[in-house]
Amino acid sequence: MTDNELLLAISNMLEPVRNNIQEIKGKIKEIEGRLKNIEVIQENGVLPRLETIESCYTSTYERYKNSTEDYEIIKQDISILKKVVTEHSEKLQRLA
């Protein structure tokens, strides 16, 4: 086999490899495009909405955190009111 024939045989053997490489490059470009779209969607759509949700939860937490003492006082007041109403109801029942 001559050198040219050998080179031609090697070239023919490498042709499928070249085709596969080209196919892979095409798929990589497609993936890069899709990845770019995902990044844009996250940056313009998802992240601002997450920041809004976070801000809402943070402000709600701050409001409730500061008013927990009030809730405890309200619970105590309700408990006292229940006792008084029960006592008065009993007294009214006895009078009737």
PDB file of N, CA and C in Angstrom:
ATOM      1  N   MET A   1       0.846  -1.166   0.000  1.00  0.00           N
ATOM      2  CA  MET A   1       0.000   0.000   0.000  1.00  0.00           C
ATOM      3  C   MET A   1       0.898   1.238   0.000  1.00  0.00           C
ATOM      4  N   THR A   2       0.599   2.180  -0.894  1.00  0.00           N
ATOM      5  CA  THR A   2       1.412   3.391  -0.995  1.00  0.00           C
ATOM      6  C   THR A   2       1.029   4.356   0.111  1.00  0.00           C
ATOM      7  N   ASP A   3       1.862   5.355   0.267  1.00  0.00           N
ATOM      8  CA  ASP A   3       1.592   6.368   1.292  1.00  0.00           C
ATOM      9  C   ASP A   3       0.270   7.084   1.026  1.00  0.00           C
ATOM     10  N   ASN A   4       0.018   7.420  -0.238  1.00  0.00           N
ATOM     11  CA  ASN A   4      -1.226   8.112  -0.590  1.00  0.00           C
ATOM     12  C   ASN A   4      -2.445   7.239  -0.280  1.00  0.00           C
ATOM     13  N   GLU A   5      -2.363   5.963  -0.606  1.00  0.00           N
ATOM     14  CA  GLU A   5      -3.472   5.061  -0.317  1.00  0.00           C
ATOM     15  C   GLU A   5      -3.699   4.950   1.196  1.00  0.00           C
ATOM     16  N   LEU A   6      -2.592   4.908   1.931  1.00  0.00           N
ATOM     17  CA  LEU A   6      -2.687   4.823   3.386  1.00  0.00           C
ATOM     18  C   LEU A   6      -3.322   6.093   3.964  1.00  0.00           C
ATOM     19  N   LEU A   7      -2.896   7.239   3.458  1.00  0.00           N
ATOM     20  CA  LEU A   7      -3.463   8.512   3.911  1.00  0.00           C
ATOM     21  C   LEU A   7      -4.954   8.600   3.559  1.00  0.00           C
ATOM     22  N   LEU A   8      -5.315   8.149   2.379  1.00  0.00           N
ATOM     23  CA  LEU A   8      -6.706   8.153   1.962  1.00  0.00           C
ATOM     24  C   LEU A   8      -7.541   7.234   2.852  1.00  0.00           C
ATOM     25  N   ALA A   9      -7.002   6.087   3.201  1.00  0.00           N
ATOM     26  CA  ALA A   9      -7.714   5.148   4.076  1.00  0.00           C
ATOM     27  C   ALA A   9      -7.905   5.754   5.462  1.00  0.00           C
ATOM     28  N   ILE A  10      -6.870   6.388   5.975  1.00  0.00           N
ATOM     29  CA  ILE A  10      -6.967   7.040   7.291  1.00  0.00           C
ATOM     30  C   ILE A  10      -7.985   8.177   7.236  1.00  0.00           C
ATOM     31  N   SER A  11      -7.940   8.952   6.157  1.00  0.00           N
ATOM     32  CA  SER A  11      -8.877  10.061   5.982  1.00  0.00           C
ATOM     33  C   SER A  11     -10.320   9.543   5.960  1.00  0.00           C
ATOM     34  N   ASN A  12     -10.540   8.435   5.255  1.00  0.00           N
ATOM     35  CA  ASN A  12     -11.889   7.841   5.198  1.00  0.00           C
ATOM     36  C   ASN A  12     -12.332   7.346   6.578  1.00  0.00           C
ATOM     37  N   MET A  13     -11.393   6.849   7.344  1.00  0.00           N
ATOM     38  CA  MET A  13     -11.724   6.373   8.683  1.00  0.00           C
ATOM     39  C   MET A  13     -12.065   7.543   9.618  1.00  0.00           C
ATOM     40  N   LEU A  14     -11.416   8.674   9.382  1.00  0.00           N
ATOM     41  CA  LEU A  14     -11.631   9.833  10.247  1.00  0.00           C
ATOM     42  C   LEU A  14     -12.876  10.634   9.871  1.00  0.00           C
ATOM     43  N   GLU A  15     -13.419  10.396   8.681  1.00  0.00           N
ATOM     44  CA  GLU A  15     -14.584  11.155   8.227  1.00  0.00           C
ATOM     45  C   GLU A  15     -15.768  11.059   9.198  1.00  0.00           C
ATOM     46  N   PRO A  16     -16.148   9.862   9.680  1.00  0.00           N
ATOM     47  CA  PRO A  16     -17.242   9.802  10.654  1.00  0.00           C
ATOM     48  C   PRO A  16     -16.938  10.575  11.940  1.00  0.00           C
ATOM     49  N   VAL A  17     -15.675  10.557  12.334  1.00  0.00           N
ATOM     50  CA  VAL A  17     -15.283  11.297  13.539  1.00  0.00           C
ATOM     51  C   VAL A  17     -15.471  12.785  13.301  1.00  0.00           C
ATOM     52  N   ARG A  18     -15.067  13.267  12.132  1.00  0.00           N
ATOM     53  CA  ARG A  18     -15.251  14.689  11.792  1.00  0.00           C
ATOM     54  C   ARG A  18     -16.741  15.046  11.790  1.00  0.00           C
ATOM     55  N   ASN A  19     -17.546  14.176  11.211  1.00  0.00           N
ATOM     56  CA  ASN A  19     -18.991  14.430  11.182  1.00  0.00           C
ATOM     57  C   ASN A  19     -19.568  14.496  12.588  1.00  0.00           C
ATOM     58  N   ASN A  20     -19.129  13.585  13.439  1.00  0.00           N
ATOM     59  CA  ASN A  20     -19.600  13.586  14.830  1.00  0.00           C
ATOM     60  C   ASN A  20     -19.190  14.871  15.546  1.00  0.00           C
ATOM     61  N   ILE A  21     -17.975  15.301  15.300  1.00  0.00           N
ATOM     62  CA  ILE A  21     -17.488  16.537  15.924  1.00  0.00           C
ATOM     63  C   ILE A  21     -18.331  17.721  15.461  1.00  0.00           C
ATOM     64  N   GLN A  22     -18.636  17.781  14.171  1.00  0.00           N
ATOM     65  CA  GLN A  22     -19.472  18.870  13.652  1.00  0.00           C
ATOM     66  C   GLN A  22     -20.872  18.825  14.266  1.00  0.00           C
ATOM     67  N   GLU A  23     -21.402  17.615  14.398  1.00  0.00           N
ATOM     68  CA  GLU A  23     -22.721  17.438  15.012  1.00  0.00           C
ATOM     69  C   GLU A  23     -22.709  17.916  16.464  1.00  0.00           C
ATOM     70  N   ILE A  24     -21.656  17.541  17.180  1.00  0.00           N
ATOM     71  CA  ILE A  24     -21.518  17.945  18.582  1.00  0.00           C
ATOM     72  C   ILE A  24     -21.393  19.463  18.687  1.00  0.00           C
ATOM     73  N   LYS A  25     -20.614  20.072  17.790  1.00  0.00           N
ATOM     74  CA  LYS A  25     -20.476  21.536  17.808  1.00  0.00           C
ATOM     75  C   LYS A  25     -21.821  22.209  17.589  1.00  0.00           C
ATOM     76  N   GLY A  26     -22.615  21.658  16.672  1.00  0.00           N
ATOM     77  CA  GLY A  26     -23.950  22.216  16.424  1.00  0.00           C
ATOM     78  C   GLY A  26     -24.831  22.110  17.655  1.00  0.00           C
ATOM     79  N   LYS A  27     -24.787  20.959  18.315  1.00  0.00           N
ATOM     80  CA  LYS A  27     -25.594  20.769  19.520  1.00  0.00           C
ATOM     81  C   LYS A  27     -25.123  21.699  20.640  1.00  0.00           C
ATOM     82  N   ILE A  28     -23.825  21.903  20.740  1.00  0.00           N
ATOM     83  CA  ILE A  28     -23.277  22.814  21.759  1.00  0.00           C
ATOM     84  C   ILE A  28     -23.781  24.230  21.507  1.00  0.00           C
ATOM     85  N   LYS A  29     -23.787  24.657  20.252  1.00  0.00           N
ATOM     86  CA  LYS A  29     -24.291  26.000  19.943  1.00  0.00           C
ATOM     87  C   LYS A  29     -25.770  26.115  20.297  1.00  0.00           C
ATOM     88  N   GLU A  30     -26.537  25.056  20.021  1.00  0.00           N
ATOM     89  CA  GLU A  30     -27.964  25.049  20.371  1.00  0.00           C
ATOM     90  C   GLU A  30     -28.137  25.138  21.882  1.00  0.00           C
ATOM     91  N   ILE A  31     -27.345  24.379  22.620  1.00  0.00           N
ATOM     92  CA  ILE A  31     -27.417  24.393  24.086  1.00  0.00           C
ATOM     93  C   ILE A  31     -27.023  25.759  24.627  1.00  0.00           C
ATOM     94  N   GLU A  32     -25.997  26.354  24.031  1.00  0.00           N
ATOM     95  CA  GLU A  32     -25.582  27.690  24.475  1.00  0.00           C
ATOM     96  C   GLU A  32     -26.703  28.702  24.263  1.00  0.00           C
ATOM     97  N   GLY A  33     -27.397  28.601  23.122  1.00  0.00           N
ATOM     98  CA  GLY A  33     -28.520  29.498  22.855  1.00  0.00           C
ATOM     99  C   GLY A  33     -29.639  29.309  23.861  1.00  0.00           C
ATOM    100  N   ARG A  34     -29.963  28.053  24.150  1.00  0.00           N
ATOM    101  CA  ARG A  34     -31.021  27.775  25.118  1.00  0.00           C
ATOM    102  C   ARG A  34     -30.612  28.251  26.508  1.00  0.00           C
ATOM    103  N   LEU A  35     -29.352  28.059  26.862  1.00  0.00           N
ATOM    104  CA  LEU A  35     -28.848  28.508  28.155  1.00  0.00           C
ATOM    105  C   LEU A  35     -28.954  30.028  28.271  1.00  0.00           C
ATOM    106  N   LYS A  36     -28.627  30.717  27.197  1.00  0.00           N
ATOM    107  CA  LYS A  36     -28.725  32.183  27.186  1.00  0.00           C
ATOM    108  C   LYS A  36     -30.179  32.606  27.414  1.00  0.00           C
ATOM    109  N   ASN A  37     -31.120  31.897  26.765  1.00  0.00           N
ATOM    110  CA  ASN A  37     -32.546  32.209  26.967  1.00  0.00           C
ATOM    111  C   ASN A  37     -32.944  32.002  28.419  1.00  0.00           C
ATOM    112  N   ILE A  38     -32.466  30.923  29.010  1.00  0.00           N
ATOM    113  CA  ILE A  38     -32.785  30.645  30.420  1.00  0.00           C
ATOM    114  C   ILE A  38     -32.221  31.749  31.303  1.00  0.00           C
ATOM    115  N   GLU A  39     -31.009  32.174  31.029  1.00  0.00           N
ATOM    116  CA  GLU A  39     -30.406  33.247  31.823  1.00  0.00           C
ATOM    117  C   GLU A  39     -31.221  34.532  31.716  1.00  0.00           C
ATOM    118  N   VAL A  40     -31.667  34.855  30.509  1.00  0.00           N
ATOM    119  CA  VAL A  40     -32.454  36.075  30.305  1.00  0.00           C
ATOM    120  C   VAL A  40     -33.784  35.977  31.049  1.00  0.00           C
ATOM    121  N   ILE A  41     -34.428  34.811  30.962  1.00  0.00           N
ATOM    122  CA  ILE A  41     -35.707  34.614  31.661  1.00  0.00           C
ATOM    123  C   ILE A  41     -35.508  34.762  33.162  1.00  0.00           C
ATOM    124  N   GLN A  42     -34.446  34.165  33.686  1.00  0.00           N
ATOM    125  CA  GLN A  42     -34.187  34.276  35.120  1.00  0.00           C
ATOM    126  C   GLN A  42     -33.924  35.720  35.516  1.00  0.00           C
ATOM    127  N   GLU A  43     -33.095  36.386  34.736  1.00  0.00           N
ATOM    128  CA  GLU A  43     -32.714  37.754  35.078  1.00  0.00           C
ATOM    129  C   GLU A  43     -33.898  38.716  34.988  1.00  0.00           C
ATOM    130  N   ASN A  44     -34.710  38.564  33.950  1.00  0.00           N
ATOM    131  CA  ASN A  44     -35.788  39.532  33.722  1.00  0.00           C
ATOM    132  C   ASN A  44     -37.127  39.128  34.328  1.00  0.00           C
ATOM    133  N   GLY A  45     -37.326  37.846  34.564  1.00  0.00           N
ATOM    134  CA  GLY A  45     -38.620  37.404  35.050  1.00  0.00           C
ATOM    135  C   GLY A  45     -38.587  36.834  36.448  1.00  0.00           C
ATOM    136  N   VAL A  46     -37.742  35.858  36.653  1.00  0.00           N
ATOM    137  CA  VAL A  46     -37.760  35.111  37.912  1.00  0.00           C
ATOM    138  C   VAL A  46     -37.153  35.922  39.056  1.00  0.00           C
ATOM    139  N   LEU A  47     -35.976  36.461  38.854  1.00  0.00           N
ATOM    140  CA  LEU A  47     -35.302  37.167  39.952  1.00  0.00           C
ATOM    141  C   LEU A  47     -36.088  38.370  40.472  1.00  0.00           C
ATOM    142  N   PRO A  48     -36.632  39.230  39.599  1.00  0.00           N
ATOM    143  CA  PRO A  48     -37.423  40.345  40.145  1.00  0.00           C
ATOM    144  C   PRO A  48     -38.628  39.861  40.943  1.00  0.00           C
ATOM    145  N   ARG A  49     -39.271  38.795  40.478  1.00  0.00           N
ATOM    146  CA  ARG A  49     -40.436  38.285  41.211  1.00  0.00           C
ATOM    147  C   ARG A  49     -40.004  37.699  42.554  1.00  0.00           C
ATOM    148  N   LEU A  50     -38.877  37.001  42.577  1.00  0.00           N
ATOM    149  CA  LEU A  50     -38.369  36.465  43.842  1.00  0.00           C
ATOM    150  C   LEU A  50     -38.036  37.588  44.813  1.00  0.00           C
ATOM    151  N   GLU A  51     -37.449  38.663  44.293  1.00  0.00           N
ATOM    152  CA  GLU A  51     -37.132  39.800  45.154  1.00  0.00           C
ATOM    153  C   GLU A  51     -38.406  40.424  45.728  1.00  0.00           C
ATOM    154  N   THR A  52     -39.457  40.486  44.922  1.00  0.00           N
ATOM    155  CA  THR A  52     -40.743  41.016  45.395  1.00  0.00           C
ATOM    156  C   THR A  52     -41.310  40.127  46.485  1.00  0.00           C
ATOM    157  N   ILE A  53     -41.278  38.808  46.254  1.00  0.00           N
ATOM    158  CA  ILE A  53     -41.778  37.860  47.258  1.00  0.00           C
ATOM    159  C   ILE A  53     -40.965  37.982  48.540  1.00  0.00           C
ATOM    160  N   GLU A  54     -39.655  38.046  48.403  1.00  0.00           N
ATOM    161  CA  GLU A  54     -38.791  38.171  49.583  1.00  0.00           C
ATOM    162  C   GLU A  54     -39.119  39.444  50.352  1.00  0.00           C
ATOM    163  N   SER A  55     -39.279  40.528  49.638  1.00  0.00           N
ATOM    164  CA  SER A  55     -39.590  41.803  50.276  1.00  0.00           C
ATOM    165  C   SER A  55     -40.920  41.731  51.017  1.00  0.00           C
ATOM    166  N   CYS A  56     -41.903  41.086  50.399  1.00  0.00           N
ATOM    167  CA  CYS A  56     -43.219  40.928  51.034  1.00  0.00           C
ATOM    168  C   CYS A  56     -43.094  40.104  52.315  1.00  0.00           C
ATOM    169  N   TYR A  57     -42.407  38.984  52.246  1.00  0.00           N
ATOM    170  CA  TYR A  57     -42.247  38.136  53.426  1.00  0.00           C
ATOM    171  C   TYR A  57     -41.454  38.846  54.515  1.00  0.00           C
ATOM    172  N   THR A  58     -40.429  39.575  54.118  1.00  0.00           N
ATOM    173  CA  THR A  58     -39.602  40.280  55.095  1.00  0.00           C
ATOM    174  C   THR A  58     -40.417  41.346  55.826  1.00  0.00           C
ATOM    175  N   SER A  59     -41.181  42.129  55.065  1.00  0.00           N
ATOM    176  CA  SER A  59     -41.964  43.186  55.709  1.00  0.00           C
ATOM    177  C   SER A  59     -43.057  42.588  56.597  1.00  0.00           C
ATOM    178  N   THR A  60     -43.677  41.491  56.140  1.00  0.00           N
ATOM    179  CA  THR A  60     -44.695  40.833  56.960  1.00  0.00           C
ATOM    180  C   THR A  60     -44.077  40.297  58.243  1.00  0.00           C
ATOM    181  N   TYR A  61     -42.917  39.678  58.119  1.00  0.00           N
ATOM    182  CA  TYR A  61     -42.217  39.166  59.300  1.00  0.00           C
ATOM    183  C   TYR A  61     -41.945  40.295  60.284  1.00  0.00           C
ATOM    184  N   GLU A  62     -41.441  41.414  59.791  1.00  0.00           N
ATOM    185  CA  GLU A  62     -41.123  42.545  60.667  1.00  0.00           C
ATOM    186  C   GLU A  62     -42.383  43.039  61.392  1.00  0.00           C
ATOM    187  N   ARG A  63     -43.517  43.132  60.664  1.00  0.00           N
ATOM    188  CA  ARG A  63     -44.766  43.580  61.290  1.00  0.00           C
ATOM    189  C   ARG A  63     -45.187  42.633  62.405  1.00  0.00           C
ATOM    190  N   TYR A  64     -45.170  41.338  62.107  1.00  0.00           N
ATOM    191  CA  TYR A  64     -45.618  40.363  63.101  1.00  0.00           C
ATOM    192  C   TYR A  64     -44.617  40.214  64.244  1.00  0.00           C
ATOM    193  N   LYS A  65     -43.359  40.313  63.930  1.00  0.00           N
ATOM    194  CA  LYS A  65     -42.333  40.196  64.973  1.00  0.00           C
ATOM    195  C   LYS A  65     -42.521  41.293  66.014  1.00  0.00           C
ATOM    196  N   ASN A  66     -42.791  42.488  65.542  1.00  0.00           N
ATOM    197  CA  ASN A  66     -42.944  43.620  66.455  1.00  0.00           C
ATOM    198  C   ASN A  66     -44.251  43.584  67.237  1.00  0.00           C
ATOM    199  N   SER A  67     -45.220  42.813  66.782  1.00  0.00           N
ATOM    200  CA  SER A  67     -46.509  42.817  67.465  1.00  0.00           C
ATOM    201  C   SER A  67     -46.774  41.546  68.275  1.00  0.00           C
ATOM    202  N   THR A  68     -45.793  40.694  68.449  1.00  0.00           N
ATOM    203  CA  THR A  68     -46.023  39.469  69.230  1.00  0.00           C
ATOM    204  C   THR A  68     -46.339  39.771  70.684  1.00  0.00           C
ATOM    205  N   GLU A  69     -45.736  40.796  71.224  1.00  0.00           N
ATOM    206  CA  GLU A  69     -46.044  41.173  72.608  1.00  0.00           C
ATOM    207  C   GLU A  69     -47.511  41.574  72.727  1.00  0.00           C
ATOM    208  N   ASP A  70     -48.016  42.310  71.736  1.00  0.00           N
ATOM    209  CA  ASP A  70     -49.420  42.705  71.740  1.00  0.00           C
ATOM    210  C   ASP A  70     -50.324  41.481  71.729  1.00  0.00           C
ATOM    211  N   TYR A  71     -49.956  40.468  70.967  1.00  0.00           N
ATOM    212  CA  TYR A  71     -50.781  39.253  70.903  1.00  0.00           C
ATOM    213  C   TYR A  71     -50.859  38.570  72.266  1.00  0.00           C
ATOM    214  N   GLU A  72     -49.763  38.533  72.956  1.00  0.00           N
ATOM    215  CA  GLU A  72     -49.766  37.906  74.281  1.00  0.00           C
ATOM    216  C   GLU A  72     -50.686  38.683  75.228  1.00  0.00           C
ATOM    217  N   ILE A  73     -50.615  39.990  75.174  1.00  0.00           N
ATOM    218  CA  ILE A  73     -51.480  40.829  76.022  1.00  0.00           C
ATOM    219  C   ILE A  73     -52.941  40.598  75.651  1.00  0.00           C
ATOM    220  N   ILE A  74     -53.233  40.537  74.353  1.00  0.00           N
ATOM    221  CA  ILE A  74     -54.608  40.301  73.892  1.00  0.00           C
ATOM    222  C   ILE A  74     -55.100  38.942  74.369  1.00  0.00           C
ATOM    223  N   LYS A  75     -54.246  37.928  74.301  1.00  0.00           N
ATOM    224  CA  LYS A  75     -54.636  36.594  74.765  1.00  0.00           C
ATOM    225  C   LYS A  75     -54.976  36.613  76.255  1.00  0.00           C
ATOM    226  N   GLN A  76     -54.173  37.318  77.042  1.00  0.00           N
ATOM    227  CA  GLN A  76     -54.448  37.424  78.479  1.00  0.00           C
ATOM    228  C   GLN A  76     -55.771  38.148  78.729  1.00  0.00           C
ATOM    229  N   ASP A  77     -55.994  39.243  77.996  1.00  0.00           N
ATOM    230  CA  ASP A  77     -57.235  40.002  78.151  1.00  0.00           C
ATOM    231  C   ASP A  77     -58.444  39.136  77.801  1.00  0.00           C
ATOM    232  N   ILE A  78     -58.353  38.364  76.736  1.00  0.00           N
ATOM    233  CA  ILE A  78     -59.463  37.490  76.329  1.00  0.00           C
ATOM    234  C   ILE A  78     -59.716  36.440  77.403  1.00  0.00           C
ATOM    235  N   SER A  79     -58.659  35.897  77.947  1.00  0.00           N
ATOM    236  CA  SER A  79     -58.807  34.897  79.003  1.00  0.00           C
ATOM    237  C   SER A  79     -59.551  35.497  80.199  1.00  0.00           C
ATOM    238  N   ILE A  80     -59.185  36.704  80.590  1.00  0.00           N
ATOM    239  CA  ILE A  80     -59.849  37.383  81.716  1.00  0.00           C
ATOM    240  C   ILE A  80     -61.313  37.648  81.365  1.00  0.00           C
ATOM    241  N   LEU A  81     -61.563  38.107  80.137  1.00  0.00           N
ATOM    242  CA  LEU A  81     -62.937  38.369  79.707  1.00  0.00           C
ATOM    243  C   LEU A  81     -63.786  37.096  79.749  1.00  0.00           C
ATOM    244  N   LYS A  82     -63.225  35.986  79.334  1.00  0.00           N
ATOM    245  CA  LYS A  82     -63.951  34.711  79.379  1.00  0.00           C
ATOM    246  C   LYS A  82     -64.352  34.364  80.821  1.00  0.00           C
ATOM    247  N   LYS A  83     -63.396  34.549  81.728  1.00  0.00           N
ATOM    248  CA  LYS A  83     -63.679  34.254  83.139  1.00  0.00           C
ATOM    249  C   LYS A  83     -64.811  35.127  83.659  1.00  0.00           C
ATOM    250  N   VAL A  84     -64.715  36.428  83.379  1.00  0.00           N
ATOM    251  CA  VAL A  84     -65.711  37.376  83.881  1.00  0.00           C
ATOM    252  C   VAL A  84     -67.074  37.066  83.282  1.00  0.00           C
ATOM    253  N   VAL A  85     -67.136  36.806  81.983  1.00  0.00           N
ATOM    254  CA  VAL A  85     -68.418  36.501  81.339  1.00  0.00           C
ATOM    255  C   VAL A  85     -69.003  35.226  81.928  1.00  0.00           C
ATOM    256  N   THR A  86     -68.161  34.224  82.149  1.00  0.00           N
ATOM    257  CA  THR A  86     -68.637  32.973  82.742  1.00  0.00           C
ATOM    258  C   THR A  86     -69.204  33.233  84.135  1.00  0.00           C
ATOM    259  N   GLU A  87     -68.495  33.993  84.945  1.00  0.00           N
ATOM    260  CA  GLU A  87     -68.968  34.310  86.298  1.00  0.00           C
ATOM    261  C   GLU A  87     -70.283  35.081  86.253  1.00  0.00           C
ATOM    262  N   HIS A  88     -70.364  36.072  85.393  1.00  0.00           N
ATOM    263  CA  HIS A  88     -71.583  36.860  85.294  1.00  0.00           C
ATOM    264  C   HIS A  88     -72.743  36.021  84.776  1.00  0.00           C
ATOM    265  N   SER A  89     -72.475  35.145  83.831  1.00  0.00           N
ATOM    266  CA  SER A  89     -73.527  34.250  83.325  1.00  0.00           C
ATOM    267  C   SER A  89     -74.053  33.365  84.435  1.00  0.00           C
ATOM    268  N   GLU A  90     -73.167  32.838  85.257  1.00  0.00           N
ATOM    269  CA  GLU A  90     -73.588  32.002  86.383  1.00  0.00           C
ATOM    270  C   GLU A  90     -74.442  32.796  87.374  1.00  0.00           C
ATOM    271  N   LYS A  91     -74.015  34.028  87.664  1.00  0.00           N
ATOM    272  CA  LYS A  91     -74.766  34.877  88.601  1.00  0.00           C
ATOM    273  C   LYS A  91     -76.143  35.194  88.038  1.00  0.00           C
ATOM    274  N   LEU A  92     -76.220  35.483  86.728  1.00  0.00           N
ATOM    275  CA  LEU A  92     -77.504  35.777  86.095  1.00  0.00           C
ATOM    276  C   LEU A  92     -78.407  34.551  86.106  1.00  0.00           C
ATOM    277  N   GLN A  93     -77.839  33.384  85.925  1.00  0.00           N
ATOM    278  CA  GLN A  93     -78.623  32.136  85.959  1.00  0.00           C
ATOM    279  C   GLN A  93     -79.217  31.927  87.352  1.00  0.00           C
ATOM    280  N   ARG A  94     -78.431  32.234  88.372  1.00  0.00           N
ATOM    281  CA  ARG A  94     -78.925  32.072  89.745  1.00  0.00           C
ATOM    282  C   ARG A  94     -80.044  33.060  90.060  1.00  0.00           C
ATOM    283  N   LEU A  95     -79.943  34.263  89.509  1.00  0.00           N
ATOM    284  CA  LEU A  95     -80.955  35.297  89.749  1.00  0.00           C
ATOM    285  C   LEU A  95     -82.257  35.001  89.017  1.00  0.00           C
ATOM    286  N   ALA A  96     -82.161  34.288  87.922  1.00  0.00           N
ATOM    287  CA  ALA A  96     -83.369  34.038  87.120  1.00  0.00           C
ATOM    288  C   ALA A  96     -84.225  32.938  87.622  1.00  0.00           C
TER     289      ALA A  96
END
